[in-house]
């Protein structure tokens, strides 16, 4: 089975590696993909660990996991990346995340900001 993030790799050889070791995310897009997969498998610990400390709220973990389990994830679509490469310290990823909720297909459309913290990519929040 291909990874939830849409790559042609298996989950074990793709996002699960990043879930086990954040340093495996070499680019902002890899981190974005791994975070999407973490929503699919409701991995709240990883979602908190991959969130920048300045914008992380540990109180949200329980509600995020509950919501992630309540929907059926369909697919991730990466629309655009800006910077966010191995040698960058910041970048953005614009994406659509599709899911079923309450019998309807819903879409999260977001331009996410990522920065490096302690040499690892972290999700900062919505980009302006």
N, C-alpha and C. Protein backbone atom coordinates (compact mmCIF):
# COMPACT_ATOMS: atom_id res chain seq x y z
N UNK A 1 0.84 -1.18 0.00
CA UNK A 1 0.00 0.00 0.00
C UNK A 1 0.88 1.25 0.00
N UNK A 2 0.53 2.21 -0.83
CA UNK A 2 1.28 3.47 -0.87
C UNK A 2 1.01 4.28 0.39
N UNK A 3 1.93 5.15 0.72
CA UNK A 3 1.82 6.00 1.90
C UNK A 3 0.60 6.92 1.76
N UNK A 4 0.05 7.28 2.90
CA UNK A 4 -1.12 8.16 2.93
C UNK A 4 -0.83 9.52 2.30
N UNK A 5 0.43 9.93 2.30
CA UNK A 5 0.78 11.27 1.81
C UNK A 5 0.74 11.37 0.29
N UNK A 6 0.56 10.24 -0.40
CA UNK A 6 0.47 10.26 -1.85
C UNK A 6 1.75 9.88 -2.56
N UNK A 7 2.80 9.60 -1.82
CA UNK A 7 4.04 9.16 -2.47
C UNK A 7 3.85 7.73 -2.99
N UNK A 8 4.77 7.27 -3.76
CA UNK A 8 4.70 5.90 -4.28
C UNK A 8 5.41 4.91 -3.36
N UNK A 9 5.90 5.41 -2.21
CA UNK A 9 6.55 4.55 -1.23
C UNK A 9 5.50 3.99 -0.27
N UNK A 10 5.88 2.93 0.44
CA UNK A 10 5.01 2.41 1.48
C UNK A 10 5.06 3.35 2.69
N UNK A 11 4.05 3.29 3.53
CA UNK A 11 4.01 4.11 4.74
C UNK A 11 5.25 3.84 5.60
N UNK A 12 5.64 2.59 5.74
CA UNK A 12 6.80 2.21 6.55
C UNK A 12 8.07 2.86 6.02
N UNK A 13 8.21 2.97 4.70
CA UNK A 13 9.41 3.54 4.09
C UNK A 13 9.28 5.02 3.77
N UNK A 14 8.22 5.63 4.21
CA UNK A 14 7.99 7.05 3.92
C UNK A 14 7.70 7.79 5.22
N UNK A 15 6.46 8.11 5.47
CA UNK A 15 6.11 8.97 6.60
C UNK A 15 6.33 8.34 7.96
N UNK A 16 6.20 7.01 8.05
CA UNK A 16 6.43 6.39 9.35
C UNK A 16 7.87 6.61 9.82
N UNK A 17 8.82 6.63 8.88
CA UNK A 17 10.21 6.91 9.23
C UNK A 17 10.34 8.30 9.87
N UNK A 18 9.61 9.27 9.33
CA UNK A 18 9.65 10.63 9.87
C UNK A 18 8.93 10.68 11.22
N UNK A 19 7.85 9.92 11.36
CA UNK A 19 7.13 9.88 12.64
C UNK A 19 8.04 9.36 13.74
N UNK A 20 8.92 8.44 13.40
CA UNK A 20 9.83 7.86 14.39
C UNK A 20 11.07 8.71 14.61
N UNK A 21 11.44 9.54 13.62
CA UNK A 21 12.64 10.38 13.73
C UNK A 21 12.43 11.64 12.91
N UNK A 22 12.12 12.72 13.58
CA UNK A 22 11.81 14.00 12.92
C UNK A 22 12.91 14.45 11.97
N UNK A 23 14.15 14.10 12.25
CA UNK A 23 15.27 14.49 11.39
C UNK A 23 15.19 13.87 10.00
N UNK A 24 14.35 12.88 9.82
CA UNK A 24 14.17 12.26 8.50
C UNK A 24 13.48 13.20 7.51
N UNK A 25 12.77 14.21 8.01
CA UNK A 25 12.12 15.21 7.13
C UNK A 25 13.19 16.20 6.69
N UNK A 26 13.68 16.03 5.47
CA UNK A 26 14.77 16.86 4.96
C UNK A 26 14.27 18.16 4.34
N UNK A 27 12.97 18.23 4.03
CA UNK A 27 12.39 19.42 3.41
C UNK A 27 11.07 19.76 4.11
N UNK A 28 10.63 20.99 3.91
CA UNK A 28 9.34 21.41 4.46
C UNK A 28 8.21 20.55 3.88
N UNK A 29 8.30 20.22 2.59
CA UNK A 29 7.25 19.39 1.99
C UNK A 29 7.22 18.00 2.61
N UNK A 30 8.37 17.41 2.89
CA UNK A 30 8.39 16.10 3.56
C UNK A 30 7.71 16.19 4.92
N UNK A 31 7.97 17.28 5.64
CA UNK A 31 7.33 17.43 6.94
C UNK A 31 5.82 17.60 6.76
N UNK A 32 5.40 18.38 5.77
CA UNK A 32 3.97 18.56 5.51
C UNK A 32 3.31 17.22 5.21
N UNK A 33 3.95 16.44 4.35
CA UNK A 33 3.40 15.13 4.01
C UNK A 33 3.30 14.23 5.24
N UNK A 34 4.33 14.26 6.07
CA UNK A 34 4.32 13.41 7.26
C UNK A 34 3.25 13.87 8.25
N UNK A 35 3.00 15.16 8.32
CA UNK A 35 1.94 15.66 9.20
C UNK A 35 0.57 15.23 8.70
N UNK A 36 0.37 15.27 7.38
CA UNK A 36 -0.90 14.77 6.84
C UNK A 36 -1.09 13.30 7.23
N UNK A 37 -0.06 12.50 7.03
CA UNK A 37 -0.15 11.08 7.39
C UNK A 37 -0.42 10.91 8.89
N UNK A 38 0.15 11.80 9.71
CA UNK A 38 -0.09 11.73 11.15
C UNK A 38 -1.56 12.02 11.47
N UNK A 39 -2.20 12.90 10.71
CA UNK A 39 -3.63 13.11 10.89
C UNK A 39 -4.40 11.85 10.50
N UNK A 40 -4.00 11.21 9.41
CA UNK A 40 -4.69 10.00 8.96
C UNK A 40 -4.64 8.91 10.02
N UNK A 41 -3.48 8.72 10.64
CA UNK A 41 -3.33 7.67 11.65
C UNK A 41 -3.55 8.20 13.07
N UNK A 42 -3.95 9.46 13.20
CA UNK A 42 -4.24 10.10 14.49
C UNK A 42 -3.07 10.01 15.46
N UNK A 43 -1.88 10.36 14.97
CA UNK A 43 -0.66 10.34 15.78
C UNK A 43 -0.45 11.73 16.41
N UNK A 44 -1.14 11.95 17.51
CA UNK A 44 -1.09 13.24 18.18
C UNK A 44 0.28 13.59 18.72
N UNK A 45 1.02 12.60 19.19
CA UNK A 45 2.36 12.87 19.71
C UNK A 45 3.25 13.46 18.61
N UNK A 46 3.18 12.89 17.42
CA UNK A 46 3.98 13.41 16.31
C UNK A 46 3.51 14.80 15.89
N UNK A 47 2.21 15.00 15.84
CA UNK A 47 1.70 16.31 15.45
C UNK A 47 2.19 17.39 16.41
N UNK A 48 2.26 17.09 17.67
CA UNK A 48 2.78 18.06 18.64
C UNK A 48 4.29 18.23 18.48
N UNK A 49 5.01 17.13 18.30
CA UNK A 49 6.48 17.19 18.18
C UNK A 49 6.92 17.92 16.93
N UNK A 50 6.12 17.86 15.87
CA UNK A 50 6.49 18.50 14.60
C UNK A 50 5.99 19.93 14.49
N UNK A 51 5.37 20.42 15.53
CA UNK A 51 4.84 21.78 15.58
C UNK A 51 5.85 22.66 16.31
N UNK A 52 6.16 23.82 15.77
CA UNK A 52 7.15 24.72 16.37
C UNK A 52 6.74 25.10 17.79
N UNK A 53 7.71 25.16 18.69
CA UNK A 53 7.39 25.43 20.10
C UNK A 53 6.72 26.79 20.32
N UNK A 54 6.96 27.76 19.45
CA UNK A 54 6.35 29.08 19.62
C UNK A 54 4.85 29.07 19.37
N UNK A 55 4.37 28.13 18.55
CA UNK A 55 2.96 28.12 18.19
C UNK A 55 2.24 26.84 18.62
N UNK A 56 2.93 25.96 19.30
CA UNK A 56 2.36 24.69 19.73
C UNK A 56 1.50 24.89 20.98
N UNK A 57 0.36 24.23 21.00
CA UNK A 57 -0.49 24.22 22.19
C UNK A 57 -0.78 22.77 22.55
N UNK A 58 -0.11 22.28 23.58
CA UNK A 58 -0.28 20.88 23.98
C UNK A 58 -1.70 20.59 24.42
N UNK A 59 -2.43 21.61 24.83
CA UNK A 59 -3.82 21.42 25.24
C UNK A 59 -4.71 20.99 24.07
N UNK A 60 -4.28 21.29 22.85
CA UNK A 60 -5.08 20.97 21.66
C UNK A 60 -4.96 19.51 21.24
N UNK A 61 -3.95 18.81 21.74
CA UNK A 61 -3.65 17.46 21.27
C UNK A 61 -4.88 16.54 21.32
N UNK A 62 -5.58 16.50 22.44
CA UNK A 62 -6.72 15.59 22.59
C UNK A 62 -7.81 15.89 21.57
N UNK A 63 -8.13 17.17 21.37
CA UNK A 63 -9.19 17.53 20.43
C UNK A 63 -8.76 17.27 18.98
N UNK A 64 -7.48 17.48 18.67
CA UNK A 64 -6.98 17.20 17.32
C UNK A 64 -7.09 15.71 17.01
N UNK A 65 -6.65 14.88 17.95
CA UNK A 65 -6.71 13.42 17.74
C UNK A 65 -8.16 12.96 17.61
N UNK A 66 -9.03 13.49 18.44
CA UNK A 66 -10.45 13.12 18.38
C UNK A 66 -11.04 13.49 17.02
N UNK A 67 -10.75 14.70 16.55
CA UNK A 67 -11.27 15.11 15.24
C UNK A 67 -10.67 14.27 14.12
N UNK A 68 -9.35 14.03 14.16
CA UNK A 68 -8.69 13.25 13.11
C UNK A 68 -9.30 11.86 12.99
N UNK A 69 -9.70 11.28 14.10
CA UNK A 69 -10.33 9.95 14.09
C UNK A 69 -11.78 10.00 13.61
N UNK A 70 -12.41 11.16 13.70
CA UNK A 70 -13.84 11.28 13.37
C UNK A 70 -14.12 11.46 11.89
N UNK A 71 -13.07 11.74 11.10
CA UNK A 71 -13.25 11.95 9.67
C UNK A 71 -12.56 10.83 8.89
N UNK A 72 -12.91 10.71 7.63
CA UNK A 72 -12.26 9.72 6.76
C UNK A 72 -11.40 10.50 5.76
N UNK A 73 -10.10 10.30 5.86
CA UNK A 73 -9.15 11.02 5.02
C UNK A 73 -9.14 10.44 3.62
N UNK A 74 -9.10 11.30 2.62
CA UNK A 74 -9.15 10.87 1.21
C UNK A 74 -7.78 11.00 0.56
N UNK A 75 -7.25 12.22 0.52
CA UNK A 75 -5.94 12.40 -0.13
C UNK A 75 -5.37 13.77 0.19
N UNK A 76 -4.06 13.86 -0.05
CA UNK A 76 -3.32 15.12 0.07
C UNK A 76 -2.89 15.53 -1.32
N UNK A 77 -3.02 16.80 -1.60
CA UNK A 77 -2.61 17.36 -2.89
C UNK A 77 -1.70 18.56 -2.61
N UNK A 78 -0.43 18.44 -2.98
CA UNK A 78 0.52 19.54 -2.82
C UNK A 78 0.38 20.43 -4.05
N UNK A 79 0.10 21.71 -3.82
CA UNK A 79 -0.12 22.65 -4.91
C UNK A 79 1.13 23.46 -5.24
N UNK A 80 1.88 23.85 -4.20
CA UNK A 80 3.05 24.69 -4.43
C UNK A 80 3.96 24.65 -3.20
N UNK A 81 5.26 24.65 -3.45
CA UNK A 81 6.22 24.81 -2.37
C UNK A 81 7.13 25.99 -2.70
N UNK A 82 7.49 26.74 -1.68
CA UNK A 82 8.41 27.86 -1.82
C UNK A 82 9.51 27.68 -0.80
N UNK A 83 10.74 27.67 -1.29
CA UNK A 83 11.90 27.39 -0.43
C UNK A 83 11.66 26.05 0.27
N UNK A 84 12.13 25.94 1.52
CA UNK A 84 11.89 24.72 2.28
C UNK A 84 12.76 23.54 1.89
N UNK A 85 13.88 23.82 1.21
CA UNK A 85 14.77 22.73 0.82
C UNK A 85 15.75 22.42 1.95
N UNK A 86 16.59 21.44 1.73
CA UNK A 86 17.57 21.01 2.72
C UNK A 86 18.41 22.18 3.25
N UNK A 87 18.78 23.10 2.37
CA UNK A 87 19.66 24.21 2.76
C UNK A 87 18.93 25.46 3.22
N UNK A 88 17.60 25.48 3.16
CA UNK A 88 16.83 26.64 3.60
C UNK A 88 16.54 26.54 5.10
N UNK A 89 16.14 27.66 5.67
CA UNK A 89 15.74 27.67 7.07
C UNK A 89 14.25 27.96 7.24
N UNK A 90 13.59 28.27 6.12
CA UNK A 90 12.15 28.51 6.13
C UNK A 90 11.57 28.14 4.78
N UNK A 91 10.26 27.95 4.77
CA UNK A 91 9.59 27.63 3.52
C UNK A 91 8.09 27.57 3.72
N UNK A 92 7.38 27.47 2.60
CA UNK A 92 5.92 27.33 2.66
C UNK A 92 5.49 26.18 1.77
N UNK A 93 4.37 25.59 2.14
CA UNK A 93 3.75 24.54 1.34
C UNK A 93 2.26 24.86 1.26
N UNK A 94 1.77 24.98 0.04
CA UNK A 94 0.33 25.19 -0.18
C UNK A 94 -0.26 23.85 -0.58
N UNK A 95 -1.36 23.47 0.06
CA UNK A 95 -1.92 22.13 -0.16
C UNK A 95 -3.43 22.13 -0.01
N UNK A 96 -4.02 21.05 -0.51
CA UNK A 96 -5.41 20.70 -0.24
C UNK A 96 -5.40 19.33 0.42
N UNK A 97 -6.12 19.20 1.53
CA UNK A 97 -6.31 17.92 2.20
C UNK A 97 -7.80 17.60 2.12
N UNK A 98 -8.13 16.48 1.51
CA UNK A 98 -9.52 16.09 1.29
C UNK A 98 -9.94 15.04 2.31
N UNK A 99 -11.16 15.19 2.82
CA UNK A 99 -11.68 14.21 3.79
C UNK A 99 -13.20 14.21 3.75
N UNK A 100 -13.79 13.08 4.21
CA UNK A 100 -15.24 12.97 4.37
C UNK A 100 -15.59 13.31 5.81
N UNK A 101 -16.60 14.16 5.97
CA UNK A 101 -17.11 14.47 7.30
C UNK A 101 -18.60 14.71 7.18
N UNK A 102 -19.39 14.00 7.95
CA UNK A 102 -20.84 14.18 7.93
C UNK A 102 -21.45 13.90 6.58
N UNK A 103 -20.88 12.96 5.83
CA UNK A 103 -21.42 12.60 4.53
C UNK A 103 -21.00 13.51 3.39
N UNK A 104 -20.17 14.50 3.68
CA UNK A 104 -19.72 15.44 2.64
C UNK A 104 -18.21 15.39 2.48
N UNK A 105 -17.76 15.65 1.25
CA UNK A 105 -16.33 15.82 1.02
C UNK A 105 -15.97 17.24 1.40
N UNK A 106 -14.99 17.36 2.26
CA UNK A 106 -14.51 18.66 2.72
C UNK A 106 -13.05 18.82 2.29
N UNK A 107 -12.60 20.06 2.21
CA UNK A 107 -11.23 20.36 1.79
C UNK A 107 -10.63 21.37 2.76
N UNK A 108 -9.43 21.04 3.24
CA UNK A 108 -8.63 22.02 3.96
C UNK A 108 -7.67 22.59 2.92
N UNK A 109 -7.79 23.87 2.64
CA UNK A 109 -6.85 24.54 1.74
C UNK A 109 -6.01 25.45 2.60
N UNK A 110 -4.70 25.25 2.57
CA UNK A 110 -3.84 26.02 3.46
C UNK A 110 -2.49 26.28 2.82
N UNK A 111 -1.96 27.44 3.11
CA UNK A 111 -0.56 27.76 2.82
C UNK A 111 0.13 27.76 4.18
N UNK A 112 0.92 26.72 4.42
CA UNK A 112 1.56 26.52 5.72
C UNK A 112 2.98 27.06 5.72
N UNK A 113 3.37 27.63 6.84
CA UNK A 113 4.73 28.12 7.03
C UNK A 113 5.52 27.10 7.86
N UNK A 114 6.75 26.88 7.46
CA UNK A 114 7.65 25.95 8.14
C UNK A 114 8.98 26.65 8.38
N UNK A 115 9.58 26.39 9.54
CA UNK A 115 10.93 26.88 9.81
C UNK A 115 11.71 25.78 10.52
N UNK A 116 13.02 25.92 10.49
CA UNK A 116 13.85 24.96 11.19
C UNK A 116 14.02 25.40 12.64
N UNK A 117 13.88 24.43 13.51
CA UNK A 117 14.10 24.62 14.94
C UNK A 117 15.01 23.49 15.39
N UNK A 118 16.14 23.81 15.95
CA UNK A 118 17.12 22.79 16.34
C UNK A 118 17.47 21.88 15.16
N UNK A 119 17.65 22.48 13.99
CA UNK A 119 18.03 21.80 12.74
C UNK A 119 16.94 20.91 12.15
N UNK A 120 15.75 20.89 12.73
CA UNK A 120 14.65 20.09 12.20
C UNK A 120 13.54 20.99 11.69
N UNK A 121 12.91 20.57 10.59
CA UNK A 121 11.76 21.30 10.08
C UNK A 121 10.61 21.19 11.06
N UNK A 122 9.91 22.31 11.28
CA UNK A 122 8.73 22.34 12.14
C UNK A 122 7.65 23.17 11.48
N UNK A 123 6.42 22.78 11.75
CA UNK A 123 5.24 23.52 11.28
C UNK A 123 5.07 24.75 12.18
N UNK A 124 5.01 25.92 11.57
CA UNK A 124 4.86 27.17 12.31
C UNK A 124 3.40 27.61 12.38
N UNK A 125 2.67 27.40 11.29
CA UNK A 125 1.26 27.82 11.23
C UNK A 125 0.93 28.31 9.85
N UNK A 126 -0.17 29.00 9.76
CA UNK A 126 -0.59 29.56 8.47
C UNK A 126 0.37 30.64 8.01
N UNK A 127 0.69 30.61 6.73
CA UNK A 127 1.56 31.63 6.15
C UNK A 127 0.71 32.81 5.71
N UNK A 128 1.29 33.98 5.78
CA UNK A 128 0.57 35.19 5.37
C UNK A 128 0.73 35.43 3.90
